[in-house]
Amino acid sequence: MKTITKRITMAILFALSFTSMFGQNQTKQSSETSTERKFSVSTSWLSFANFGEEKTNTHHYELHVGYQLTPKDRIGIKAATWKLFAPMGMPMKEQLKFDEVNFYPGRLRENGLGVTYQRKLWKGLFASVEVLPQLKTYLDENGTKIGNGFKLYTSYHLGYQISFFKDLFYLEPQVHCQYWPIDTNTPQSFKEMDDKWNNYFLFEPNLYIGFKF
């Protein structure tokens, strides 16, 4: 990865010489910069947003550890946990109403460890996919465990990476779509709520915050 200044410079050179951004005409300094930080650690802004009324607090935490495989390809591991009070497949306008008629009769805790892949498309523009197998724990309104299940959660992202301080820190504003094709062992009272909605969610805005080393 390069700083914003170096990305702009290389884009100009590309336009003038019709050579690859990562071709043989790069300077030694640029090559060293692109490889000196192979690892990254990031999280979603939601990891810092766990406050407010407990009834609607999702206790969302996630951590991404990435490895820069090539100048354009990054692979990684994702760990995440959250506690849902309503079905994930509700459209955004319904979620923002916080209408308790749509709430679960309890809470759903989901914990997962999965893999990620990000492809750089142009300058800071990227596309990525995240696959997160999850273990589900269902709790009733008294906090008593009433069941376990499994979900295969996937998400598909389009965003832009903005780097700071010589590519040490970065922000990734993005939008993503989520789809969970496998969702097992849901208690009937929770399933009745899930069946009202889809097993996907479209166009959620998000912001990842990270650093490289």
N, C-alpha and C. Protein backbone atom coordinates (compact mmCIF):
# COMPACT_ATOMS: atom_id res chain seq x y z
N MET A 1 0.84 -1.19 0.00
CA MET A 1 0.00 0.00 0.00
C MET A 1 0.89 1.25 0.00
N LYS A 2 0.42 2.30 -0.62
CA LYS A 2 1.18 3.53 -0.71
C LYS A 2 0.40 4.65 -0.05
N THR A 3 1.08 5.75 0.22
CA THR A 3 0.42 6.93 0.73
C THR A 3 -0.40 7.55 -0.37
N ILE A 4 -1.31 8.47 0.01
CA ILE A 4 -2.16 9.13 -0.99
C ILE A 4 -1.31 9.86 -2.03
N THR A 5 -0.26 10.52 -1.57
CA THR A 5 0.60 11.25 -2.49
C THR A 5 1.26 10.34 -3.50
N LYS A 6 1.76 9.19 -3.04
CA LYS A 6 2.42 8.27 -3.95
C LYS A 6 1.43 7.62 -4.90
N ARG A 7 0.21 7.37 -4.45
CA ARG A 7 -0.79 6.80 -5.35
C ARG A 7 -1.12 7.76 -6.48
N ILE A 8 -1.24 9.07 -6.14
CA ILE A 8 -1.51 10.06 -7.17
C ILE A 8 -0.35 10.14 -8.15
N THR A 9 0.87 10.15 -7.63
CA THR A 9 2.06 10.23 -8.48
C THR A 9 2.12 9.05 -9.43
N MET A 10 1.88 7.85 -8.94
CA MET A 10 1.94 6.66 -9.77
C MET A 10 0.82 6.64 -10.81
N ALA A 11 -0.33 7.20 -10.46
CA ALA A 11 -1.43 7.27 -11.42
C ALA A 11 -1.06 8.17 -12.60
N ILE A 12 -0.37 9.26 -12.31
CA ILE A 12 0.07 10.17 -13.38
C ILE A 12 1.09 9.46 -14.27
N LEU A 13 2.04 8.76 -13.65
CA LEU A 13 3.04 8.02 -14.42
C LEU A 13 2.40 6.95 -15.29
N PHE A 14 1.36 6.33 -14.76
CA PHE A 14 0.64 5.30 -15.53
C PHE A 14 0.03 5.91 -16.78
N ALA A 15 -0.62 7.05 -16.62
CA ALA A 15 -1.28 7.70 -17.76
C ALA A 15 -0.28 8.13 -18.82
N LEU A 16 0.92 8.53 -18.38
CA LEU A 16 1.91 9.03 -19.33
C LEU A 16 2.67 7.91 -20.03
N SER A 17 2.92 6.83 -19.36
CA SER A 17 3.79 5.78 -19.91
C SER A 17 3.07 4.51 -20.29
N PHE A 18 1.78 4.38 -19.94
CA PHE A 18 0.99 3.19 -20.24
C PHE A 18 1.65 1.92 -19.69
N THR A 19 2.21 2.03 -18.50
CA THR A 19 2.82 0.88 -17.83
C THR A 19 2.04 0.58 -16.58
N SER A 20 2.26 -0.56 -16.03
CA SER A 20 1.58 -0.98 -14.81
C SER A 20 2.02 -0.12 -13.64
N MET A 21 1.07 0.13 -12.72
CA MET A 21 1.37 0.89 -11.52
C MET A 21 2.48 0.21 -10.72
N PHE A 22 2.51 -1.09 -10.80
CA PHE A 22 3.50 -1.84 -10.05
C PHE A 22 4.56 -2.45 -10.98
N GLY A 23 4.77 -1.79 -12.11
CA GLY A 23 5.71 -2.29 -13.11
C GLY A 23 7.15 -1.98 -12.78
N GLN A 24 8.03 -2.27 -13.77
CA GLN A 24 9.46 -2.20 -13.55
C GLN A 24 9.98 -0.78 -13.44
N ASN A 25 9.18 0.22 -13.80
CA ASN A 25 9.65 1.60 -13.73
C ASN A 25 9.44 2.26 -12.38
N GLN A 26 8.90 1.52 -11.42
CA GLN A 26 8.76 2.09 -10.08
C GLN A 26 10.13 2.32 -9.48
N THR A 27 10.25 3.31 -8.65
CA THR A 27 11.50 3.57 -7.97
C THR A 27 11.70 2.59 -6.84
N LYS A 28 12.93 2.44 -6.42
CA LYS A 28 13.25 1.54 -5.31
C LYS A 28 12.50 1.95 -4.05
N GLN A 29 12.37 3.24 -3.84
CA GLN A 29 11.69 3.73 -2.64
C GLN A 29 10.23 3.33 -2.65
N SER A 30 9.56 3.43 -3.81
CA SER A 30 8.16 3.07 -3.90
C SER A 30 7.97 1.59 -3.62
N SER A 31 8.89 0.73 -4.16
CA SER A 31 8.78 -0.71 -3.94
C SER A 31 8.91 -1.03 -2.47
N GLU A 32 9.86 -0.39 -1.82
CA GLU A 32 10.06 -0.65 -0.40
C GLU A 32 8.84 -0.22 0.40
N THR A 33 8.25 0.90 0.03
CA THR A 33 7.09 1.40 0.75
C THR A 33 5.91 0.45 0.62
N SER A 34 5.75 -0.17 -0.57
CA SER A 34 4.60 -1.02 -0.81
C SER A 34 4.70 -2.34 -0.07
N THR A 35 5.91 -2.71 0.40
CA THR A 35 6.07 -4.01 1.05
C THR A 35 6.47 -3.91 2.51
N GLU A 36 6.78 -2.73 3.00
CA GLU A 36 7.33 -2.64 4.35
C GLU A 36 6.29 -2.93 5.42
N ARG A 37 5.00 -2.73 5.13
CA ARG A 37 3.96 -3.03 6.11
C ARG A 37 3.03 -4.09 5.54
N LYS A 38 3.25 -5.31 5.94
CA LYS A 38 2.49 -6.43 5.39
C LYS A 38 1.23 -6.73 6.20
N PHE A 39 1.21 -6.38 7.48
CA PHE A 39 0.11 -6.75 8.36
C PHE A 39 -0.76 -5.55 8.72
N SER A 40 -2.02 -5.84 9.01
CA SER A 40 -2.94 -4.78 9.43
C SER A 40 -3.90 -5.33 10.48
N VAL A 41 -4.37 -4.42 11.31
CA VAL A 41 -5.38 -4.73 12.32
C VAL A 41 -6.45 -3.65 12.23
N SER A 42 -7.71 -4.05 12.17
CA SER A 42 -8.78 -3.06 12.05
C SER A 42 -10.03 -3.55 12.77
N THR A 43 -10.96 -2.61 12.93
CA THR A 43 -12.26 -2.93 13.51
C THR A 43 -13.30 -2.01 12.91
N SER A 44 -14.55 -2.34 13.11
CA SER A 44 -15.64 -1.49 12.68
C SER A 44 -15.89 -0.41 13.73
N TRP A 45 -16.40 0.73 13.29
CA TRP A 45 -16.75 1.78 14.24
C TRP A 45 -17.79 1.30 15.26
N LEU A 46 -18.53 0.23 14.90
CA LEU A 46 -19.54 -0.30 15.82
C LEU A 46 -18.92 -0.82 17.10
N SER A 47 -17.64 -1.19 17.05
CA SER A 47 -16.96 -1.65 18.26
C SER A 47 -16.83 -0.55 19.30
N PHE A 48 -16.97 0.71 18.86
CA PHE A 48 -16.87 1.84 19.78
C PHE A 48 -18.23 2.46 20.08
N ALA A 49 -19.31 1.84 19.58
CA ALA A 49 -20.64 2.43 19.68
C ALA A 49 -21.56 1.65 20.62
N ASN A 50 -20.98 0.92 21.55
CA ASN A 50 -21.78 0.09 22.45
C ASN A 50 -22.17 0.86 23.71
N PHE A 51 -23.12 1.73 23.53
CA PHE A 51 -23.64 2.51 24.65
C PHE A 51 -25.11 2.77 24.41
N GLY A 52 -25.75 3.40 25.34
CA GLY A 52 -27.18 3.67 25.19
C GLY A 52 -28.01 2.63 25.92
N GLU A 53 -29.29 2.61 25.63
CA GLU A 53 -30.23 1.74 26.32
C GLU A 53 -29.88 0.27 26.10
N GLU A 54 -29.86 -0.49 27.16
CA GLU A 54 -29.48 -1.89 27.08
C GLU A 54 -30.41 -2.68 26.16
N LYS A 55 -31.66 -2.30 26.10
CA LYS A 55 -32.64 -3.02 25.30
C LYS A 55 -32.25 -3.08 23.82
N THR A 56 -31.58 -2.04 23.35
CA THR A 56 -31.20 -1.98 21.93
C THR A 56 -29.68 -1.93 21.74
N ASN A 57 -28.93 -2.30 22.76
CA ASN A 57 -27.47 -2.34 22.67
C ASN A 57 -27.06 -3.70 22.11
N THR A 58 -26.42 -3.72 20.97
CA THR A 58 -26.05 -4.99 20.33
C THR A 58 -24.72 -5.55 20.83
N HIS A 59 -23.98 -4.80 21.65
CA HIS A 59 -22.68 -5.27 22.15
C HIS A 59 -21.87 -5.86 21.00
N HIS A 60 -21.72 -5.06 19.98
CA HIS A 60 -21.05 -5.47 18.75
C HIS A 60 -19.55 -5.21 18.86
N TYR A 61 -18.76 -6.27 18.69
CA TYR A 61 -17.30 -6.14 18.68
C TYR A 61 -16.76 -7.02 17.55
N GLU A 62 -15.80 -6.47 16.82
CA GLU A 62 -15.15 -7.27 15.79
C GLU A 62 -13.71 -6.84 15.60
N LEU A 63 -12.90 -7.80 15.15
CA LEU A 63 -11.47 -7.56 14.95
C LEU A 63 -11.03 -8.24 13.67
N HIS A 64 -10.30 -7.50 12.84
CA HIS A 64 -9.77 -8.03 11.59
C HIS A 64 -8.24 -8.00 11.64
N VAL A 65 -7.61 -9.11 11.32
CA VAL A 65 -6.16 -9.17 11.18
C VAL A 65 -5.86 -9.54 9.74
N GLY A 66 -5.16 -8.67 9.02
CA GLY A 66 -4.94 -8.87 7.60
C GLY A 66 -3.48 -9.04 7.24
N TYR A 67 -3.25 -9.66 6.07
CA TYR A 67 -1.90 -9.82 5.53
C TYR A 67 -1.93 -9.39 4.06
N GLN A 68 -1.00 -8.48 3.69
CA GLN A 68 -0.93 -7.96 2.33
C GLN A 68 -0.21 -8.97 1.46
N LEU A 69 -0.96 -9.80 0.75
CA LEU A 69 -0.39 -10.88 -0.05
C LEU A 69 0.35 -10.35 -1.27
N THR A 70 -0.26 -9.38 -1.97
CA THR A 70 0.36 -8.68 -3.09
C THR A 70 -0.04 -7.21 -2.95
N PRO A 71 0.50 -6.31 -3.78
CA PRO A 71 0.09 -4.91 -3.68
C PRO A 71 -1.41 -4.71 -3.85
N LYS A 72 -2.12 -5.67 -4.46
CA LYS A 72 -3.55 -5.51 -4.69
C LYS A 72 -4.41 -6.48 -3.88
N ASP A 73 -3.82 -7.47 -3.26
CA ASP A 73 -4.60 -8.52 -2.60
C ASP A 73 -4.27 -8.61 -1.11
N ARG A 74 -5.32 -8.58 -0.29
CA ARG A 74 -5.15 -8.73 1.15
C ARG A 74 -6.07 -9.84 1.65
N ILE A 75 -5.52 -10.75 2.43
CA ILE A 75 -6.31 -11.81 3.06
C ILE A 75 -6.29 -11.59 4.55
N GLY A 76 -7.26 -12.20 5.25
CA GLY A 76 -7.28 -11.95 6.68
C GLY A 76 -8.20 -12.89 7.44
N ILE A 77 -8.20 -12.68 8.75
CA ILE A 77 -9.06 -13.41 9.68
C ILE A 77 -9.96 -12.40 10.37
N LYS A 78 -11.22 -12.76 10.53
CA LYS A 78 -12.19 -11.89 11.19
C LYS A 78 -12.78 -12.61 12.40
N ALA A 79 -12.78 -11.95 13.55
CA ALA A 79 -13.46 -12.45 14.74
C ALA A 79 -14.53 -11.44 15.11
N ALA A 80 -15.74 -11.91 15.40
CA ALA A 80 -16.83 -10.98 15.68
C ALA A 80 -17.83 -11.59 16.65
N THR A 81 -18.47 -10.71 17.41
CA THR A 81 -19.54 -11.12 18.31
C THR A 81 -20.56 -9.98 18.40
N TRP A 82 -21.83 -10.33 18.46
CA TRP A 82 -22.87 -9.34 18.67
C TRP A 82 -24.08 -10.00 19.32
N LYS A 83 -24.98 -9.17 19.80
CA LYS A 83 -26.15 -9.65 20.54
C LYS A 83 -27.38 -8.95 19.96
N LEU A 84 -28.15 -9.68 19.16
CA LEU A 84 -29.26 -9.08 18.42
C LEU A 84 -30.53 -9.04 19.27
N PHE A 85 -31.27 -7.93 19.13
CA PHE A 85 -32.57 -7.80 19.80
C PHE A 85 -33.72 -7.92 18.81
N ALA A 86 -33.39 -7.98 17.49
CA ALA A 86 -34.40 -8.07 16.43
C ALA A 86 -33.77 -8.75 15.22
N PRO A 87 -34.57 -9.24 14.28
CA PRO A 87 -34.03 -9.92 13.10
C PRO A 87 -33.10 -9.03 12.28
N MET A 88 -32.00 -9.62 11.84
CA MET A 88 -31.01 -8.90 11.05
C MET A 88 -31.52 -8.57 9.66
N GLY A 89 -32.50 -9.32 9.16
CA GLY A 89 -32.99 -9.12 7.81
C GLY A 89 -34.01 -8.00 7.65
N MET A 90 -34.35 -7.30 8.72
CA MET A 90 -35.28 -6.18 8.59
C MET A 90 -34.66 -5.05 7.77
N PRO A 91 -35.41 -4.41 6.89
CA PRO A 91 -34.89 -3.24 6.16
C PRO A 91 -34.48 -2.13 7.12
N MET A 92 -33.56 -1.29 6.67
CA MET A 92 -33.03 -0.24 7.53
C MET A 92 -34.12 0.66 8.11
N LYS A 93 -35.12 1.02 7.30
CA LYS A 93 -36.17 1.93 7.78
C LYS A 93 -36.96 1.32 8.92
N GLU A 94 -37.11 -0.01 8.91
CA GLU A 94 -37.80 -0.69 10.01
C GLU A 94 -36.92 -0.77 11.24
N GLN A 95 -35.63 -1.02 11.03
CA GLN A 95 -34.72 -1.11 12.16
C GLN A 95 -34.64 0.21 12.93
N LEU A 96 -34.65 1.31 12.18
CA LEU A 96 -34.50 2.62 12.81
C LEU A 96 -35.74 3.05 13.60
N LYS A 97 -36.85 2.37 13.39
CA LYS A 97 -38.07 2.68 14.15
C LYS A 97 -37.98 2.16 15.58
N PHE A 98 -37.18 1.14 15.81
CA PHE A 98 -37.07 0.49 17.13
C PHE A 98 -38.45 0.13 17.66
N ASP A 99 -39.29 -0.39 16.78
CA ASP A 99 -40.63 -0.80 17.16
C ASP A 99 -40.56 -2.15 17.87
N GLU A 100 -40.98 -2.18 19.13
CA GLU A 100 -40.81 -3.39 19.93
C GLU A 100 -41.66 -4.55 19.43
N VAL A 101 -42.62 -4.28 18.56
CA VAL A 101 -43.40 -5.37 17.99
C VAL A 101 -42.52 -6.27 17.11
N ASN A 102 -41.38 -5.72 16.65
CA ASN A 102 -40.44 -6.48 15.83
C ASN A 102 -39.30 -7.11 16.62
N PHE A 103 -39.27 -6.90 17.94
CA PHE A 103 -38.19 -7.42 18.76
C PHE A 103 -38.34 -8.92 18.98
N TYR A 104 -37.19 -9.57 19.19
CA TYR A 104 -37.21 -10.97 19.59
C TYR A 104 -37.79 -11.13 21.00
N PRO A 105 -38.31 -12.32 21.32
CA PRO A 105 -38.73 -12.60 22.70
C PRO A 105 -37.51 -13.01 23.53
N GLY A 106 -36.51 -12.15 23.54
CA GLY A 106 -35.24 -12.44 24.20
C GLY A 106 -34.11 -11.85 23.38
N ARG A 107 -32.95 -12.49 23.43
CA ARG A 107 -31.79 -12.01 22.68
C ARG A 107 -31.11 -13.17 21.96
N LEU A 108 -30.40 -12.83 20.88
CA LEU A 108 -29.63 -13.79 20.11
C LEU A 108 -28.17 -13.38 20.09
N ARG A 109 -27.31 -14.19 20.71
CA ARG A 109 -25.87 -13.94 20.70
C ARG A 109 -25.25 -14.76 19.59
N GLU A 110 -24.44 -14.08 18.73
CA GLU A 110 -23.74 -14.76 17.64
C GLU A 110 -22.25 -14.49 17.75
N ASN A 111 -21.45 -15.56 17.73
CA ASN A 111 -20.00 -15.46 17.81
C ASN A 111 -19.39 -16.20 16.63
N GLY A 112 -18.39 -15.60 15.98
CA GLY A 112 -17.81 -16.26 14.83
C GLY A 112 -16.35 -15.94 14.59
N LEU A 113 -15.70 -16.84 13.86
CA LEU A 113 -14.32 -16.67 13.42
C LEU A 113 -14.28 -17.09 11.96
N GLY A 114 -13.88 -16.15 11.08
CA GLY A 114 -13.92 -16.44 9.66
C GLY A 114 -12.76 -15.87 8.89
N VAL A 115 -12.92 -15.79 7.57
CA VAL A 115 -11.85 -15.34 6.68
C VAL A 115 -12.34 -14.18 5.82
N THR A 116 -11.39 -13.37 5.36
CA THR A 116 -11.71 -12.22 4.52
C THR A 116 -10.75 -12.14 3.33
N TYR A 117 -11.21 -11.52 2.26
CA TYR A 117 -10.36 -11.26 1.10
C TYR A 117 -10.71 -9.89 0.55
N GLN A 118 -9.69 -9.08 0.30
CA GLN A 118 -9.89 -7.75 -0.26
C GLN A 118 -9.06 -7.59 -1.53
N ARG A 119 -9.67 -7.03 -2.57
CA ARG A 119 -9.00 -6.78 -3.84
C ARG A 119 -9.01 -5.29 -4.15
N LYS A 120 -7.84 -4.73 -4.35
CA LYS A 120 -7.74 -3.32 -4.71
C LYS A 120 -8.10 -3.16 -6.18
N LEU A 121 -9.04 -2.25 -6.47
CA LEU A 121 -9.52 -2.07 -7.84
C LEU A 121 -8.85 -0.90 -8.56
N TRP A 122 -8.74 0.22 -7.85
CA TRP A 122 -8.18 1.42 -8.47
C TRP A 122 -7.87 2.42 -7.37
N LYS A 123 -6.57 2.81 -7.28
CA LYS A 123 -6.15 3.69 -6.20
C LYS A 123 -6.62 3.10 -4.87
N GLY A 124 -7.43 3.83 -4.11
CA GLY A 124 -7.89 3.30 -2.83
C GLY A 124 -9.18 2.50 -2.90
N LEU A 125 -9.79 2.43 -4.08
CA LEU A 125 -11.06 1.73 -4.23
C LEU A 125 -10.84 0.22 -4.13
N PHE A 126 -11.70 -0.46 -3.37
CA PHE A 126 -11.54 -1.89 -3.18
C PHE A 126 -12.89 -2.59 -3.12
N ALA A 127 -12.84 -3.89 -3.35
CA ALA A 127 -13.98 -4.78 -3.11
C ALA A 127 -13.50 -5.89 -2.19
N SER A 128 -14.37 -6.37 -1.32
CA SER A 128 -13.97 -7.43 -0.40
C SER A 128 -15.14 -8.33 -0.08
N VAL A 129 -14.81 -9.52 0.38
CA VAL A 129 -15.81 -10.49 0.81
C VAL A 129 -15.37 -11.05 2.15
N GLU A 130 -16.33 -11.26 3.05
CA GLU A 130 -16.06 -11.82 4.37
C GLU A 130 -16.99 -13.01 4.59
N VAL A 131 -16.43 -14.12 5.03
CA VAL A 131 -17.20 -15.34 5.31
C VAL A 131 -17.00 -15.67 6.78
N LEU A 132 -18.11 -15.70 7.53
CA LEU A 132 -18.04 -15.82 8.98
C LEU A 132 -18.98 -16.91 9.50
N PRO A 133 -18.49 -18.13 9.72
CA PRO A 133 -19.31 -19.14 10.41
C PRO A 133 -19.56 -18.69 11.85
N GLN A 134 -20.81 -18.84 12.31
CA GLN A 134 -21.17 -18.35 13.63
C GLN A 134 -21.89 -19.42 14.46
N LEU A 135 -21.59 -19.42 15.74
CA LEU A 135 -22.34 -20.20 16.70
C LEU A 135 -23.37 -19.29 17.35
N LYS A 136 -24.62 -19.75 17.42
CA LYS A 136 -25.72 -18.93 17.95
C LYS A 136 -26.14 -19.44 19.32
N THR A 137 -26.43 -18.49 20.20
CA THR A 137 -26.98 -18.81 21.52
C THR A 137 -28.25 -17.99 21.71
N TYR A 138 -29.36 -18.68 22.00
CA TYR A 138 -30.64 -18.01 22.18
C TYR A 138 -30.95 -17.87 23.67
N LEU A 139 -31.35 -16.67 24.06
CA LEU A 139 -31.70 -16.37 25.44
C LEU A 139 -33.13 -15.87 25.50
N ASP A 140 -33.88 -16.30 26.51
CA ASP A 140 -35.25 -15.79 26.65
C ASP A 140 -35.23 -14.42 27.34
N GLU A 141 -36.37 -13.88 27.61
CA GLU A 141 -36.46 -12.53 28.18
C GLU A 141 -35.87 -12.44 29.58
N ASN A 142 -35.67 -13.58 30.22
CA ASN A 142 -35.05 -13.60 31.55
C ASN A 142 -33.55 -13.87 31.49
N GLY A 143 -33.02 -13.98 30.26
CA GLY A 143 -31.60 -14.24 30.09
C GLY A 143 -31.22 -15.70 30.21
N THR A 144 -32.20 -16.59 30.20
CA THR A 144 -31.94 -18.02 30.30
C THR A 144 -31.73 -18.61 28.92
N LYS A 145 -30.70 -19.41 28.80
CA LYS A 145 -30.40 -20.05 27.52
C LYS A 145 -31.49 -21.05 27.14
N ILE A 146 -31.99 -20.94 25.89
CA ILE A 146 -33.05 -21.84 25.45
C ILE A 146 -32.68 -22.62 24.18
N GLY A 147 -31.47 -22.38 23.64
CA GLY A 147 -31.09 -23.13 22.46
C GLY A 147 -29.80 -22.65 21.83
N ASN A 148 -29.24 -23.51 20.96
CA ASN A 148 -28.03 -23.20 20.20
C ASN A 148 -28.30 -23.44 18.72
N GLY A 149 -27.53 -22.80 17.87
CA GLY A 149 -27.67 -23.00 16.44
C GLY A 149 -26.40 -22.62 15.71
N PHE A 150 -26.47 -22.66 14.40
CA PHE A 150 -25.33 -22.32 13.55
C PHE A 150 -25.81 -21.44 12.40
N LYS A 151 -25.00 -20.46 12.06
CA LYS A 151 -25.28 -19.57 10.93
C LYS A 151 -24.02 -19.39 10.11
N LEU A 152 -24.17 -19.42 8.79
CA LEU A 152 -23.08 -19.04 7.89
C LEU A 152 -23.39 -17.65 7.37
N TYR A 153 -22.65 -16.68 7.88
CA TYR A 153 -22.87 -15.27 7.57
C TYR A 153 -21.82 -14.81 6.56
N THR A 154 -22.26 -14.16 5.49
CA THR A 154 -21.32 -13.63 4.50
C THR A 154 -21.66 -12.16 4.24
N SER A 155 -20.64 -11.39 3.84
CA SER A 155 -20.88 -9.99 3.49
C SER A 155 -19.97 -9.60 2.33
N TYR A 156 -20.46 -8.63 1.53
CA TYR A 156 -19.81 -8.23 0.29
C TYR A 156 -19.69 -6.71 0.29
N HIS A 157 -18.46 -6.21 0.16
CA HIS A 157 -18.15 -4.81 0.45
C HIS A 157 -17.58 -4.07 -0.76
N LEU A 158 -17.90 -2.79 -0.84
CA LEU A 158 -17.28 -1.87 -1.79
C LEU A 158 -16.93 -0.62 -1.01
N GLY A 159 -15.65 -0.24 -1.03
CA GLY A 159 -15.24 0.90 -0.22
C GLY A 159 -14.00 1.57 -0.76
N TYR A 160 -13.48 2.51 0.03
CA TYR A 160 -12.31 3.28 -0.36
C TYR A 160 -11.40 3.45 0.86
N GLN A 161 -10.13 3.12 0.68
CA GLN A 161 -9.18 3.25 1.79
C GLN A 161 -8.48 4.60 1.74
N ILE A 162 -8.50 5.29 2.88
CA ILE A 162 -7.84 6.59 3.03
C ILE A 162 -6.75 6.42 4.08
N SER A 163 -5.49 6.67 3.69
CA SER A 163 -4.35 6.44 4.57
C SER A 163 -3.84 7.74 5.18
N PHE A 164 -3.25 7.61 6.39
CA PHE A 164 -2.71 8.75 7.11
C PHE A 164 -1.34 8.38 7.68
N PHE A 165 -0.52 9.42 7.93
CA PHE A 165 0.76 9.25 8.62
C PHE A 165 1.62 8.18 7.94
N LYS A 166 1.92 8.42 6.66
CA LYS A 166 2.78 7.54 5.88
C LYS A 166 2.26 6.11 5.84
N ASP A 167 0.95 5.99 5.65
CA ASP A 167 0.30 4.70 5.47
C ASP A 167 0.24 3.87 6.75
N LEU A 168 0.42 4.52 7.90
CA LEU A 168 0.39 3.79 9.17
C LEU A 168 -1.04 3.53 9.63
N PHE A 169 -1.90 4.55 9.56
CA PHE A 169 -3.30 4.43 9.93
C PHE A 169 -4.18 4.59 8.69
N TYR A 170 -5.37 4.02 8.74
CA TYR A 170 -6.26 4.15 7.60
C TYR A 170 -7.73 4.08 8.03
N LEU A 171 -8.57 4.67 7.18
CA LEU A 171 -10.02 4.57 7.31
C LEU A 171 -10.55 3.92 6.04
N GLU A 172 -11.60 3.11 6.18
CA GLU A 172 -12.23 2.49 5.03
C GLU A 172 -13.74 2.70 5.07
N PRO A 173 -14.23 3.86 4.61
CA PRO A 173 -15.68 4.03 4.44
C PRO A 173 -16.15 3.07 3.37
N GLN A 174 -17.29 2.44 3.59
CA GLN A 174 -17.74 1.41 2.67
C GLN A 174 -19.23 1.15 2.81
N VAL A 175 -19.75 0.42 1.86
CA VAL A 175 -21.13 -0.06 1.93
C VAL A 175 -21.07 -1.56 1.66
N HIS A 176 -21.90 -2.32 2.38
CA HIS A 176 -21.86 -3.76 2.16
C HIS A 176 -23.24 -4.39 2.23
N CYS A 177 -23.34 -5.55 1.61
CA CYS A 177 -24.55 -6.36 1.61
C CYS A 177 -24.27 -7.66 2.35
N GLN A 178 -25.24 -8.15 3.10
CA GLN A 178 -25.07 -9.35 3.91
C GLN A 178 -26.04 -10.43 3.48
N TYR A 179 -25.58 -11.67 3.56
CA TYR A 179 -26.41 -12.81 3.16
C TYR A 179 -26.01 -14.00 4.01
N TRP A 180 -27.01 -14.68 4.59
CA TRP A 180 -26.74 -15.86 5.42
C TRP A 180 -27.55 -17.04 4.88
N PRO A 181 -26.92 -17.87 4.02
CA PRO A 181 -27.64 -18.97 3.37
C PRO A 181 -27.94 -20.14 4.29
N ILE A 182 -27.20 -20.25 5.39
CA ILE A 182 -27.41 -21.35 6.35
C ILE A 182 -27.73 -20.76 7.71
N ASP A 183 -28.84 -21.21 8.30
CA ASP A 183 -29.27 -20.71 9.61
C ASP A 183 -30.09 -21.82 10.27
N THR A 184 -29.52 -22.50 11.26
CA THR A 184 -30.11 -23.74 11.78
C THR A 184 -30.56 -23.62 13.24
N ASN A 185 -31.44 -24.53 13.61
CA ASN A 185 -31.85 -24.76 15.02
C ASN A 185 -32.40 -23.50 15.70
N THR A 186 -33.21 -22.76 14.98
CA THR A 186 -33.81 -21.55 15.55
C THR A 186 -35.06 -21.92 16.35
N PRO A 187 -35.15 -21.53 17.62
CA PRO A 187 -36.37 -21.79 18.40
C PRO A 187 -37.60 -21.20 17.71
N GLN A 188 -38.73 -21.83 17.86
CA GLN A 188 -39.93 -21.44 17.13
C GLN A 188 -40.31 -19.99 17.36
N SER A 189 -40.20 -19.53 18.60
CA SER A 189 -40.59 -18.14 18.90
C SER A 189 -39.70 -17.13 18.18
N PHE A 190 -38.41 -17.46 17.99
CA PHE A 190 -37.51 -16.59 17.24
C PHE A 190 -37.73 -16.76 15.74
N LYS A 191 -38.00 -17.99 15.31
CA LYS A 191 -38.20 -18.26 13.90
C LYS A 191 -39.41 -17.51 13.35
N GLU A 192 -40.44 -17.37 14.15
CA GLU A 192 -41.62 -16.64 13.71
C GLU A 192 -41.29 -15.18 13.39
N MET A 193 -40.36 -14.62 14.14
CA MET A 193 -39.93 -13.24 13.87
C MET A 193 -39.03 -13.19 12.63
N ASP A 194 -38.09 -14.14 12.50
CA ASP A 194 -37.19 -14.17 11.36
C ASP A 194 -37.94 -14.36 10.04
N ASP A 195 -38.97 -15.19 10.07
CA ASP A 195 -39.70 -15.52 8.84
C ASP A 195 -40.45 -14.33 8.26
N LYS A 196 -40.60 -13.27 9.02
CA LYS A 196 -41.27 -12.07 8.51
C LYS A 196 -40.36 -11.28 7.57
N TRP A 197 -39.05 -11.59 7.60
CA TRP A 197 -38.08 -10.78 6.88
C TRP A 197 -37.19 -11.67 6.01
N ASN A 198 -36.22 -11.04 5.36
CA ASN A 198 -35.33 -11.75 4.44
C ASN A 198 -34.14 -12.38 5.16
N ASN A 199 -33.41 -13.24 4.45
CA ASN A 199 -32.15 -13.75 4.97
C ASN A 199 -30.98 -13.00 4.33
N TYR A 200 -31.21 -11.73 4.02
CA TYR A 200 -30.18 -10.85 3.51
C TYR A 200 -30.50 -9.42 3.93
N PHE A 201 -29.48 -8.58 3.88
CA PHE A 201 -29.64 -7.15 4.17
C PHE A 201 -28.79 -6.39 3.17
N LEU A 202 -29.37 -5.38 2.52
CA LEU A 202 -28.70 -4.68 1.44
C LEU A 202 -28.22 -3.28 1.84
N PHE A 203 -27.03 -2.95 1.39
CA PHE A 203 -26.50 -1.58 1.39
C PHE A 203 -26.42 -0.96 2.78
N GLU A 204 -25.69 -1.62 3.66
CA GLU A 204 -25.42 -1.05 4.99
C GLU A 204 -24.15 -0.21 4.94
N PRO A 205 -24.19 1.06 5.34
CA PRO A 205 -22.96 1.86 5.40
C PRO A 205 -22.15 1.45 6.62
N ASN A 206 -20.83 1.54 6.49
CA ASN A 206 -19.96 1.16 7.60
C ASN A 206 -18.65 1.91 7.47
N LEU A 207 -17.85 1.83 8.54
CA LEU A 207 -16.54 2.47 8.55
C LEU A 207 -15.59 1.59 9.32
N TYR A 208 -14.50 1.15 8.66
CA TYR A 208 -13.47 0.38 9.32
C TYR A 208 -12.32 1.33 9.69
N ILE A 209 -11.72 1.09 10.84
CA ILE A 209 -10.61 1.91 11.35
C ILE A 209 -9.46 0.96 11.65
N GLY A 210 -8.26 1.24 11.11
CA GLY A 210 -7.17 0.29 11.32
C GLY A 210 -5.80 0.92 11.25
N PHE A 211 -4.79 0.07 11.50
CA PHE A 211 -3.40 0.48 11.38
C PHE A 211 -2.59 -0.66 10.78
N LYS A 212 -1.43 -0.34 10.22
CA LYS A 212 -0.57 -1.32 9.55
C LYS A 212 0.78 -1.39 10.26
N PHE A 213 1.41 -2.55 10.16
CA PHE A 213 2.72 -2.71 10.76
C PHE A 213 3.53 -3.76 9.98
